[in-house]
Protein backbone atom coordinates (compact mmCIF):
# COMPACT_ATOMS: atom_id res chain seq x y z
CA MET A 1 -9.88 -16.17 -8.74
CA ASN A 2 -9.34 -14.27 -5.51
CA LYS A 3 -9.12 -15.76 -2.07
CA PRO A 4 -12.12 -15.26 0.23
CA GLY A 5 -12.11 -11.86 1.94
CA ILE A 6 -9.99 -10.20 -0.77
CA ASP A 7 -11.74 -7.49 -2.77
CA LEU A 8 -9.63 -5.98 -5.54
CA ASP A 9 -12.49 -3.56 -6.31
CA ALA A 10 -12.35 -2.02 -2.81
CA PRO A 11 -11.21 1.63 -2.62
CA ILE A 12 -8.85 0.86 0.28
CA TRP A 13 -6.38 -2.03 0.13
CA ARG A 14 -4.62 -4.06 2.79
CA LEU A 15 -1.46 -6.10 2.25
CA GLU A 16 -3.68 -9.02 1.28
CA GLU A 17 -5.12 -7.14 -1.70
CA ILE A 18 -1.69 -5.91 -2.79
CA ALA A 19 -0.29 -9.45 -2.65
CA SER A 20 -3.27 -10.78 -4.60
CA PHE A 21 -3.05 -7.98 -7.18
CA LEU A 22 0.63 -8.80 -7.78
CA ARG A 23 -0.03 -12.56 -7.65
CA LEU A 24 2.48 -13.00 -4.86
CA PRO A 25 2.59 -16.33 -3.04
CA SER A 26 1.81 -14.81 0.36
CA THR A 27 1.05 -11.62 2.21
CA LYS A 28 4.57 -11.69 3.64
CA ALA A 29 5.95 -11.36 0.13
CA ALA A 30 4.25 -7.94 -0.13
CA TYR A 31 6.28 -6.44 2.74
CA PRO A 32 9.26 -5.44 0.53
CA VAL A 33 6.85 -4.10 -2.11
CA VAL A 34 5.31 -1.49 0.18
CA LYS A 35 8.83 -0.32 1.08
CA LEU A 36 9.81 0.36 -2.53
CA LYS A 37 10.92 3.88 -3.35
CA GLY A 38 7.95 5.91 -4.55
CA PHE A 39 5.32 3.49 -3.24
CA PRO A 40 2.24 5.40 -2.00
CA ARG A 41 2.10 6.25 1.67
CA SER A 42 -0.36 4.37 3.81
CA VAL A 43 -3.58 6.12 4.79
CA LEU A 44 -2.71 5.91 8.49
CA PRO A 45 0.95 5.97 9.53
CA ALA A 46 1.02 2.78 11.57
CA SER A 47 3.31 -0.21 11.69
CA ARG A 48 0.41 -2.69 11.73
CA ASN A 49 -2.82 -2.98 9.79
CA ARG A 50 -1.80 -0.39 7.24
CA ARG A 51 -4.14 0.55 4.40
CA TRP A 52 -3.47 2.16 1.04
CA ILE A 53 -5.69 3.90 -1.49
CA ALA A 54 -6.17 1.28 -4.21
CA ALA A 55 -6.09 3.80 -7.08
CA GLU A 56 -2.68 5.10 -5.94
CA VAL A 57 -1.27 1.58 -5.67
CA LYS A 58 -2.56 0.64 -9.13
CA GLU A 59 -1.15 3.89 -10.53
CA PHE A 60 2.24 3.17 -8.95
CA PHE A 61 2.50 -0.20 -10.67
CA ALA A 62 1.13 1.12 -13.95
CA SER A 63 3.73 3.89 -14.03
CA SER A 64 6.59 1.66 -12.86
CA THR A 65 5.95 -0.87 -15.64
CA SER A 66 5.74 1.85 -18.29
CA GLU A 67 9.12 3.30 -17.30
CA SER A 68 12.36 2.04 -18.80
CA GLN A 69 13.04 -0.22 -15.81
CA PRO A 70 10.01 -2.34 -15.00
CA ILE A 71 9.79 -4.20 -11.73
CA LYS A 72 11.16 -7.65 -12.54
CA ALA A 73 11.83 -9.04 -9.11
CA ILE A 74 11.66 -7.89 -5.56
CA PRO A 75 15.08 -7.97 -3.91
CA GLY A 76 15.30 -10.42 -1.05
CA VAL A 77 12.08 -12.22 -1.94
CA ASN A 78 12.32 -15.71 -3.33
CA SER A 79 9.09 -17.20 -4.59
CA GLU A 80 10.63 -20.66 -4.94
CA PRO A 81 9.48 -23.19 -2.37
CA GLN A 82 11.88 -23.57 0.49
CA ILE A 83 12.92 -27.01 1.68
CA ILE A 84 13.81 -27.24 5.32
CA HIS A 85 16.09 -30.09 6.22
CA LYS A 86 16.08 -31.12 9.83
CA GLN A 87 18.90 -33.14 11.23
CA ARG A 88 17.73 -36.37 12.69
CA LYS A 89 19.04 -37.40 16.03
CA VAL A 90 21.03 -40.59 15.89
CA ARG A 91 20.16 -42.82 18.79
CA ALA A 92 22.51 -45.43 20.07
CA ALA A 93 21.11 -48.92 19.75
């Protein structure tokens, strides 16, 4: 089931649709994906609010999984939950 506002049938995709299509944990996890070699160019060359033609994105992933080296993991992206430990201040009694 998709999150509200995400339409995988739309002709133009945002990062949200790409992340949902790949079942990534967040939109941020899609940043390295759109920088992969051979990934389709965005419709408008902008650094923010980029859009991609959905058919080209789907074709990219279909062809990359049919090649000898499928995409197994995205370098630098860890989908494991991160635990942040904060040091507690020790107060003198």
